[in-house]
Amino acid sequence: MEYPDWQGTPNCRSVDSEEFFVPDGSSTYREVKMLKKICSNCEVKKQCLDYSLKNAVFGFWGGTTEYERKLMRNKLNITPKPLYLGYP
């Protein structure tokens, strides 16, 4: 899977990427409010969300959790491309 070439600078560029994923053994993000705030006025939020809806990615993308994107995909009838992990 190729990651997008953002047309702008994402707000998350200076945040530890681990914050955007659920920690092992947990079912929730550490700081959802912080992540939503980071994404709220990001200039690439729309691109990020669009990418995450079209591709089965893990983590917090475009201001949404995996569960929120699942609901959006169902409502919009979007089937995401499967996540390719590089295995044969």
PDB file of N, CA and C in Angstrom:
ATOM      1  N   MET A   1       0.840  -1.165   0.000  1.00  0.00           N
ATOM      2  CA  MET A   1       0.000   0.000   0.000  1.00  0.00           C
ATOM      3  C   MET A   1       0.896   1.242   0.000  1.00  0.00           C
ATOM      4  N   GLU A   2       0.606   2.143  -0.888  1.00  0.00           N
ATOM      5  CA  GLU A   2       1.358   3.389  -0.930  1.00  0.00           C
ATOM      6  C   GLU A   2       0.629   4.441  -0.120  1.00  0.00           C
ATOM      7  N   TYR A   3       1.397   5.177   0.664  1.00  0.00           N
ATOM      8  CA  TYR A   3       0.784   6.251   1.427  1.00  0.00           C
ATOM      9  C   TYR A   3       0.680   7.486   0.546  1.00  0.00           C
ATOM     10  N   PRO A   4      -0.294   8.314   0.809  1.00  0.00           N
ATOM     11  CA  PRO A   4      -0.526   9.478  -0.046  1.00  0.00           C
ATOM     12  C   PRO A   4       0.577  10.523   0.057  1.00  0.00           C
ATOM     13  N   ASP A   5       0.688  11.281  -1.000  1.00  0.00           N
ATOM     14  CA  ASP A   5       1.593  12.424  -1.020  1.00  0.00           C
ATOM     15  C   ASP A   5       0.726  13.630  -0.658  1.00  0.00           C
ATOM     16  N   TRP A   6       0.715  13.977   0.640  1.00  0.00           N
ATOM     17  CA  TRP A   6      -0.162  15.045   1.108  1.00  0.00           C
ATOM     18  C   TRP A   6       0.101  16.342   0.368  1.00  0.00           C
ATOM     19  N   GLN A   7      -0.960  17.034   0.057  1.00  0.00           N
ATOM     20  CA  GLN A   7      -0.877  18.359  -0.545  1.00  0.00           C
ATOM     21  C   GLN A   7      -1.032  19.374   0.580  1.00  0.00           C
ATOM     22  N   GLY A   8       0.000  19.498   1.388  1.00  0.00           N
ATOM     23  CA  GLY A   8      -0.012  20.361   2.558  1.00  0.00           C
ATOM     24  C   GLY A   8       0.799  19.704   3.664  1.00  0.00           C
ATOM     25  N   THR A   9       0.786  20.315   4.818  1.00  0.00           N
ATOM     26  CA  THR A   9       1.556  19.807   5.942  1.00  0.00           C
ATOM     27  C   THR A   9       0.610  19.321   7.033  1.00  0.00           C
ATOM     28  N   PRO A  10       0.676  18.033   7.380  1.00  0.00           N
ATOM     29  CA  PRO A  10      -0.209  17.519   8.423  1.00  0.00           C
ATOM     30  C   PRO A  10       0.174  18.029   9.815  1.00  0.00           C
ATOM     31  N   ASN A  11      -0.817  18.304  10.635  1.00  0.00           N
ATOM     32  CA  ASN A  11      -0.562  18.751  12.010  1.00  0.00           C
ATOM     33  C   ASN A  11       0.130  17.674  12.832  1.00  0.00           C
ATOM     34  N   CYS A  12      -0.057  16.426  12.465  1.00  0.00           N
ATOM     35  CA  CYS A  12       0.477  15.312  13.259  1.00  0.00           C
ATOM     36  C   CYS A  12       1.961  15.065  13.022  1.00  0.00           C
ATOM     37  N   ARG A  13       2.590  15.789  12.134  1.00  0.00           N
ATOM     38  CA  ARG A  13       3.985  15.530  11.778  1.00  0.00           C
ATOM     39  C   ARG A  13       4.925  15.603  12.975  1.00  0.00           C
ATOM     40  N   SER A  14       4.585  16.378  13.994  1.00  0.00           N
ATOM     41  CA  SER A  14       5.470  16.522  15.142  1.00  0.00           C
ATOM     42  C   SER A  14       4.985  15.742  16.371  1.00  0.00           C
ATOM     43  N   VAL A  15       3.988  14.881  16.184  1.00  0.00           N
ATOM     44  CA  VAL A  15       3.438  14.087  17.282  1.00  0.00           C
ATOM     45  C   VAL A  15       3.948  12.659  17.141  1.00  0.00           C
ATOM     46  N   ASP A  16       4.275  12.024  18.254  1.00  0.00           N
ATOM     47  CA  ASP A  16       4.719  10.636  18.243  1.00  0.00           C
ATOM     48  C   ASP A  16       3.655   9.773  17.571  1.00  0.00           C
ATOM     49  N   SER A  17       4.030   9.058  16.534  1.00  0.00           N
ATOM     50  CA  SER A  17       3.058   8.264  15.774  1.00  0.00           C
ATOM     51  C   SER A  17       2.379   7.185  16.615  1.00  0.00           C
ATOM     52  N   GLU A  18       2.996   6.765  17.693  1.00  0.00           N
ATOM     53  CA  GLU A  18       2.385   5.764  18.584  1.00  0.00           C
ATOM     54  C   GLU A  18       1.066   6.255  19.167  1.00  0.00           C
ATOM     55  N   GLU A  19       0.904   7.567  19.298  1.00  0.00           N
ATOM     56  CA  GLU A  19      -0.326   8.131  19.854  1.00  0.00           C
ATOM     57  C   GLU A  19      -1.541   7.855  18.961  1.00  0.00           C
ATOM     58  N   PHE A  20      -1.290   7.583  17.685  1.00  0.00           N
ATOM     59  CA  PHE A  20      -2.374   7.401  16.725  1.00  0.00           C
ATOM     60  C   PHE A  20      -2.810   5.944  16.580  1.00  0.00           C
ATOM     61  N   PHE A  21      -2.315   5.096  17.472  1.00  0.00           N
ATOM     62  CA  PHE A  21      -2.666   3.678  17.449  1.00  0.00           C
ATOM     63  C   PHE A  21      -3.046   3.222  18.842  1.00  0.00           C
ATOM     64  N   VAL A  22      -3.924   2.230  18.918  1.00  0.00           N
ATOM     65  CA  VAL A  22      -4.358   1.676  20.203  1.00  0.00           C
ATOM     66  C   VAL A  22      -3.194   0.872  20.785  1.00  0.00           C
ATOM     67  N   PRO A  23      -2.832   1.136  22.035  1.00  0.00           N
ATOM     68  CA  PRO A  23      -1.737   0.386  22.656  1.00  0.00           C
ATOM     69  C   PRO A  23      -2.070  -1.110  22.757  1.00  0.00           C
ATOM     70  N   ASP A  24      -1.047  -1.939  22.692  1.00  0.00           N
ATOM     71  CA  ASP A  24      -1.246  -3.388  22.843  1.00  0.00           C
ATOM     72  C   ASP A  24      -1.998  -3.681  24.127  1.00  0.00           C
ATOM     73  N   GLY A  25      -2.961  -4.575  24.035  1.00  0.00           N
ATOM     74  CA  GLY A  25      -3.727  -4.980  25.197  1.00  0.00           C
ATOM     75  C   GLY A  25      -4.835  -4.017  25.587  1.00  0.00           C
ATOM     76  N   SER A  26      -5.039  -2.962  24.803  1.00  0.00           N
ATOM     77  CA  SER A  26      -6.071  -1.978  25.105  1.00  0.00           C
ATOM     78  C   SER A  26      -7.103  -1.968  23.981  1.00  0.00           C
ATOM     79  N   SER A  27      -8.269  -1.444  24.284  1.00  0.00           N
ATOM     80  CA  SER A  27      -9.299  -1.339  23.244  1.00  0.00           C
ATOM     81  C   SER A  27      -9.602   0.114  22.897  1.00  0.00           C
ATOM     82  N   THR A  28      -8.877   1.035  23.519  1.00  0.00           N
ATOM     83  CA  THR A  28      -9.128   2.457  23.260  1.00  0.00           C
ATOM     84  C   THR A  28      -7.814   3.224  23.078  1.00  0.00           C
ATOM     85  N   TYR A  29      -7.934   4.375  22.435  1.00  0.00           N
ATOM     86  CA  TYR A  29      -6.795   5.266  22.263  1.00  0.00           C
ATOM     87  C   TYR A  29      -6.513   5.966  23.588  1.00  0.00           C
ATOM     88  N   ARG A  30      -5.274   6.335  23.811  1.00  0.00           N
ATOM     89  CA  ARG A  30      -4.900   6.999  25.062  1.00  0.00           C
ATOM     90  C   ARG A  30      -5.573   8.361  25.201  1.00  0.00           C
ATOM     91  N   GLU A  31      -5.501   9.137  24.142  1.00  0.00           N
ATOM     92  CA  GLU A  31      -5.949  10.534  24.195  1.00  0.00           C
ATOM     93  C   GLU A  31      -6.792  10.915  22.982  1.00  0.00           C
ATOM     94  N   VAL A  32      -8.006  10.400  22.893  1.00  0.00           N
ATOM     95  CA  VAL A  32      -8.865  10.682  21.740  1.00  0.00           C
ATOM     96  C   VAL A  32      -9.142  12.176  21.602  1.00  0.00           C
ATOM     97  N   LYS A  33      -9.400  12.850  22.715  1.00  0.00           N
ATOM     98  CA  LYS A  33      -9.681  14.296  22.645  1.00  0.00           C
ATOM     99  C   LYS A  33      -8.493  15.051  22.057  1.00  0.00           C
ATOM    100  N   MET A  34      -7.277  14.687  22.473  1.00  0.00           N
ATOM    101  CA  MET A  34      -6.084  15.338  21.951  1.00  0.00           C
ATOM    102  C   MET A  34      -5.952  15.068  20.449  1.00  0.00           C
ATOM    103  N   LEU A  35      -6.180  13.821  20.037  1.00  0.00           N
ATOM    104  CA  LEU A  35      -6.058  13.473  18.626  1.00  0.00           C
ATOM    105  C   LEU A  35      -7.085  14.221  17.786  1.00  0.00           C
ATOM    106  N   LYS A  36      -8.312  14.305  18.269  1.00  0.00           N
ATOM    107  CA  LYS A  36      -9.354  15.042  17.538  1.00  0.00           C
ATOM    108  C   LYS A  36      -8.998  16.526  17.425  1.00  0.00           C
ATOM    109  N   LYS A  37      -8.401  17.071  18.487  1.00  0.00           N
ATOM    110  CA  LYS A  37      -7.993  18.475  18.456  1.00  0.00           C
ATOM    111  C   LYS A  37      -6.872  18.688  17.439  1.00  0.00           C
ATOM    112  N   ILE A  38      -5.904  17.783  17.399  1.00  0.00           N
ATOM    113  CA  ILE A  38      -4.806  17.876  16.431  1.00  0.00           C
ATOM    114  C   ILE A  38      -5.365  17.864  15.010  1.00  0.00           C
ATOM    115  N   CYS A  39      -6.322  16.982  14.767  1.00  0.00           N
ATOM    116  CA  CYS A  39      -6.887  16.829  13.423  1.00  0.00           C
ATOM    117  C   CYS A  39      -7.901  17.922  13.060  1.00  0.00           C
ATOM    118  N   SER A  40      -8.484  18.554  14.061  1.00  0.00           N
ATOM    119  CA  SER A  40      -9.619  19.454  13.812  1.00  0.00           C
ATOM    120  C   SER A  40      -9.336  20.567  12.809  1.00  0.00           C
ATOM    121  N   ASN A  41      -8.188  21.168  12.860  1.00  0.00           N
ATOM    122  CA  ASN A  41      -7.895  22.267  11.934  1.00  0.00           C
ATOM    123  C   ASN A  41      -6.713  21.948  11.016  1.00  0.00           C
ATOM    124  N   CYS A  42      -6.502  20.661  10.768  1.00  0.00           N
ATOM    125  CA  CYS A  42      -5.392  20.230   9.914  1.00  0.00           C
ATOM    126  C   CYS A  42      -5.715  20.504   8.447  1.00  0.00           C
ATOM    127  N   GLU A  43      -4.748  21.017   7.725  1.00  0.00           N
ATOM    128  CA  GLU A  43      -4.986  21.344   6.320  1.00  0.00           C
ATOM    129  C   GLU A  43      -5.067  20.117   5.419  1.00  0.00           C
ATOM    130  N   VAL A  44      -4.675  18.938   5.892  1.00  0.00           N
ATOM    131  CA  VAL A  44      -4.785  17.726   5.079  1.00  0.00           C
ATOM    132  C   VAL A  44      -5.812  16.743   5.650  1.00  0.00           C
ATOM    133  N   LYS A  45      -6.642  17.204   6.577  1.00  0.00           N
ATOM    134  CA  LYS A  45      -7.620  16.323   7.216  1.00  0.00           C
ATOM    135  C   LYS A  45      -8.529  15.643   6.194  1.00  0.00           C
ATOM    136  N   LYS A  46      -9.027  16.372   5.235  1.00  0.00           N
ATOM    137  CA  LYS A  46      -9.935  15.803   4.236  1.00  0.00           C
ATOM    138  C   LYS A  46      -9.217  14.726   3.420  1.00  0.00           C
ATOM    139  N   GLN A  47      -7.990  14.991   2.998  1.00  0.00           N
ATOM    140  CA  GLN A  47      -7.210  14.010   2.241  1.00  0.00           C
ATOM    141  C   GLN A  47      -6.948  12.759   3.082  1.00  0.00           C
ATOM    142  N   CYS A  48      -6.614  12.967   4.335  1.00  0.00           N
ATOM    143  CA  CYS A  48      -6.314  11.892   5.267  1.00  0.00           C
ATOM    144  C   CYS A  48      -7.555  11.020   5.484  1.00  0.00           C
ATOM    145  N   LEU A  49      -8.687  11.654   5.722  1.00  0.00           N
ATOM    146  CA  LEU A  49      -9.925  10.916   5.933  1.00  0.00           C
ATOM    147  C   LEU A  49     -10.310  10.149   4.677  1.00  0.00           C
ATOM    148  N   ASP A  50     -10.223  10.783   3.530  1.00  0.00           N
ATOM    149  CA  ASP A  50     -10.556  10.129   2.267  1.00  0.00           C
ATOM    150  C   ASP A  50      -9.682   8.889   2.067  1.00  0.00           C
ATOM    151  N   TYR A  51      -8.393   9.027   2.306  1.00  0.00           N
ATOM    152  CA  TYR A  51      -7.466   7.906   2.175  1.00  0.00           C
ATOM    153  C   TYR A  51      -7.842   6.774   3.121  1.00  0.00           C
ATOM    154  N   SER A  52      -8.154   7.128   4.366  1.00  0.00           N
ATOM    155  CA  SER A  52      -8.453   6.103   5.371  1.00  0.00           C
ATOM    156  C   SER A  52      -9.801   5.424   5.133  1.00  0.00           C
ATOM    157  N   LEU A  53     -10.716   6.096   4.461  1.00  0.00           N
ATOM    158  CA  LEU A  53     -11.987   5.466   4.110  1.00  0.00           C
ATOM    159  C   LEU A  53     -11.811   4.488   2.955  1.00  0.00           C
ATOM    160  N   LYS A  54     -10.948   4.826   2.022  1.00  0.00           N
ATOM    161  CA  LYS A  54     -10.743   3.993   0.833  1.00  0.00           C
ATOM    162  C   LYS A  54      -9.780   2.832   1.081  1.00  0.00           C
ATOM    163  N   ASN A  55      -8.989   2.906   2.151  1.00  0.00           N
ATOM    164  CA  ASN A  55      -7.996   1.882   2.458  1.00  0.00           C
ATOM    165  C   ASN A  55      -8.205   1.368   3.876  1.00  0.00           C
ATOM    166  N   ALA A  56      -8.081   0.077   4.065  1.00  0.00           N
ATOM    167  CA  ALA A  56      -8.292  -0.540   5.375  1.00  0.00           C
ATOM    168  C   ALA A  56      -7.070  -0.328   6.260  1.00  0.00           C
ATOM    169  N   VAL A  57      -6.914   0.880   6.752  1.00  0.00           N
ATOM    170  CA  VAL A  57      -5.770   1.208   7.604  1.00  0.00           C
ATOM    171  C   VAL A  57      -6.165   1.128   9.075  1.00  0.00           C
ATOM    172  N   PHE A  58      -5.181   0.862   9.902  1.00  0.00           N
ATOM    173  CA  PHE A  58      -5.377   0.862  11.341  1.00  0.00           C
ATOM    174  C   PHE A  58      -5.000   2.222  11.889  1.00  0.00           C
ATOM    175  N   GLY A  59      -5.551   2.559  13.027  1.00  0.00           N
ATOM    176  CA  GLY A  59      -5.155   3.788  13.700  1.00  0.00           C
ATOM    177  C   GLY A  59      -6.138   4.927  13.508  1.00  0.00           C
ATOM    178  N   PHE A  60      -5.726   6.071  13.992  1.00  0.00           N
ATOM    179  CA  PHE A  60      -6.525   7.293  13.988  1.00  0.00           C
ATOM    180  C   PHE A  60      -6.136   8.103  12.758  1.00  0.00           C
ATOM    181  N   TRP A  61      -7.062   8.279  11.829  1.00  0.00           N
ATOM    182  CA  TRP A  61      -6.794   8.984  10.568  1.00  0.00           C
ATOM    183  C   TRP A  61      -7.905  10.000  10.321  1.00  0.00           C
ATOM    184  N   GLY A  62      -7.545  11.178   9.862  1.00  0.00           N
ATOM    185  CA  GLY A  62      -8.538  12.172   9.461  1.00  0.00           C
ATOM    186  C   GLY A  62      -9.544  12.509  10.542  1.00  0.00           C
ATOM    187  N   GLY A  63      -9.112  12.458  11.791  1.00  0.00           N
ATOM    188  CA  GLY A  63      -9.987  12.796  12.904  1.00  0.00           C
ATOM    189  C   GLY A  63     -10.943  11.690  13.306  1.00  0.00           C
ATOM    190  N   THR A  64     -10.701  10.458  12.833  1.00  0.00           N
ATOM    191  CA  THR A  64     -11.624   9.358  13.111  1.00  0.00           C
ATOM    192  C   THR A  64     -10.915   8.117  13.645  1.00  0.00           C
ATOM    193  N   THR A  65     -11.649   7.364  14.435  1.00  0.00           N
ATOM    194  CA  THR A  65     -11.190   6.064  14.890  1.00  0.00           C
ATOM    195  C   THR A  65     -11.566   5.019  13.840  1.00  0.00           C
ATOM    196  N   GLU A  66     -11.035   3.819  13.994  1.00  0.00           N
ATOM    197  CA  GLU A  66     -11.382   2.735  13.075  1.00  0.00           C
ATOM    198  C   GLU A  66     -12.889   2.467  13.107  1.00  0.00           C
ATOM    199  N   TYR A  67     -13.466   2.489  14.285  1.00  0.00           N
ATOM    200  CA  TYR A  67     -14.904   2.235  14.421  1.00  0.00           C
ATOM    201  C   TYR A  67     -15.724   3.328  13.718  1.00  0.00           C
ATOM    202  N   GLU A  68     -15.342   4.582  13.894  1.00  0.00           N
ATOM    203  CA  GLU A  68     -16.065   5.679  13.238  1.00  0.00           C
ATOM    204  C   GLU A  68     -15.991   5.541  11.721  1.00  0.00           C
ATOM    205  N   ARG A  69     -14.828   5.131  11.211  1.00  0.00           N
ATOM    206  CA  ARG A  69     -14.696   4.946   9.759  1.00  0.00           C
ATOM    207  C   ARG A  69     -15.548   3.777   9.275  1.00  0.00           C
ATOM    208  N   LYS A  70     -15.641   2.731  10.075  1.00  0.00           N
ATOM    209  CA  LYS A  70     -16.487   1.589   9.706  1.00  0.00           C
ATOM    210  C   LYS A  70     -17.935   2.043   9.530  1.00  0.00           C
ATOM    211  N   LEU A  71     -18.430   2.857  10.464  1.00  0.00           N
ATOM    212  CA  LEU A  71     -19.790   3.378  10.362  1.00  0.00           C
ATOM    213  C   LEU A  71     -19.950   4.257   9.124  1.00  0.00           C
ATOM    214  N   MET A  72     -18.954   5.100   8.857  1.00  0.00           N
ATOM    215  CA  MET A  72     -19.005   5.982   7.684  1.00  0.00           C
ATOM    216  C   MET A  72     -19.012   5.160   6.397  1.00  0.00           C
ATOM    217  N   ARG A  73     -18.156   4.139   6.328  1.00  0.00           N
ATOM    218  CA  ARG A  73     -18.107   3.286   5.128  1.00  0.00           C
ATOM    219  C   ARG A  73     -19.456   2.608   4.895  1.00  0.00           C
ATOM    220  N   ASN A  74     -20.055   2.109   5.969  1.00  0.00           N
ATOM    221  CA  ASN A  74     -21.367   1.457   5.830  1.00  0.00           C
ATOM    222  C   ASN A  74     -22.398   2.439   5.298  1.00  0.00           C
ATOM    223  N   LYS A  75     -22.405   3.639   5.837  1.00  0.00           N
ATOM    224  CA  LYS A  75     -23.375   4.657   5.415  1.00  0.00           C
ATOM    225  C   LYS A  75     -23.143   5.090   3.966  1.00  0.00           C
ATOM    226  N   LEU A  76     -21.857   5.191   3.573  1.00  0.00           N
ATOM    227  CA  LEU A  76     -21.505   5.661   2.237  1.00  0.00           C
ATOM    228  C   LEU A  76     -21.307   4.527   1.227  1.00  0.00           C
ATOM    229  N   ASN A  77     -21.498   3.285   1.694  1.00  0.00           N
ATOM    230  CA  ASN A  77     -21.322   2.105   0.850  1.00  0.00           C
ATOM    231  C   ASN A  77     -19.925   2.057   0.222  1.00  0.00           C
ATOM    232  N   ILE A  78     -18.911   2.191   1.048  1.00  0.00           N
ATOM    233  CA  ILE A  78     -17.519   2.142   0.611  1.00  0.00           C
ATOM    234  C   ILE A  78     -16.900   0.830   1.079  1.00  0.00           C
ATOM    235  N   THR A  79     -16.270   0.131   0.165  1.00  0.00           N
ATOM    236  CA  THR A  79     -15.512  -1.067   0.511  1.00  0.00           C
ATOM    237  C   THR A  79     -14.030  -0.696   0.409  1.00  0.00           C
ATOM    238  N   PRO A  80     -13.311  -0.708   1.550  1.00  0.00           N
ATOM    239  CA  PRO A  80     -11.909  -0.302   1.516  1.00  0.00           C
ATOM    240  C   PRO A  80     -11.017  -1.352   0.861  1.00  0.00           C
ATOM    241  N   LYS A  81      -9.926  -0.872   0.251  1.00  0.00           N
ATOM    242  CA  LYS A  81      -8.904  -1.786  -0.248  1.00  0.00           C
ATOM    243  C   LYS A  81      -8.292  -2.467   0.971  1.00  0.00           C
ATOM    244  N   PRO A  82      -8.017  -3.776   0.860  1.00  0.00           N
ATOM    245  CA  PRO A  82      -7.429  -4.468   2.017  1.00  0.00           C
ATOM    246  C   PRO A  82      -6.034  -3.952   2.329  1.00  0.00           C
ATOM    247  N   LEU A  83      -5.686  -4.073   3.583  1.00  0.00           N
ATOM    248  CA  LEU A  83      -4.363  -3.663   4.029  1.00  0.00           C
ATOM    249  C   LEU A  83      -3.345  -4.674   3.560  1.00  0.00           C
ATOM    250  N   TYR A  84      -2.319  -4.227   2.870  1.00  0.00           N
ATOM    251  CA  TYR A  84      -1.255  -5.095   2.384  1.00  0.00           C
ATOM    252  C   TYR A  84      -0.063  -4.947   3.307  1.00  0.00           C
ATOM    253  N   LEU A  85       0.335  -6.028   3.928  1.00  0.00           N
ATOM    254  CA  LEU A  85       1.424  -5.979   4.891  1.00  0.00           C
ATOM    255  C   LEU A  85       2.757  -6.406   4.295  1.00  0.00           C
ATOM    256  N   GLY A  86       2.796  -6.637   3.010  1.00  0.00           N
ATOM    257  CA  GLY A  86       4.044  -6.992   2.361  1.00  0.00           C
ATOM    258  C   GLY A  86       4.368  -8.475   2.398  1.00  0.00           C
ATOM    259  N   TYR A  87       3.417  -9.279   2.821  1.00  0.00           N
ATOM    260  CA  TYR A  87       3.642 -10.718   2.856  1.00  0.00           C
ATOM    261  C   TYR A  87       3.197 -11.318   1.537  1.00  0.00           C
ATOM    262  N   PRO A  88       3.858 -12.381   1.096  1.00  0.00           N
ATOM    263  CA  PRO A  88       3.445 -13.014  -0.180  1.00  0.00           C
ATOM    264  C   PRO A  88       2.072 -13.636  -0.091  1.00  0.00           C
TER     265      PRO A  88
END
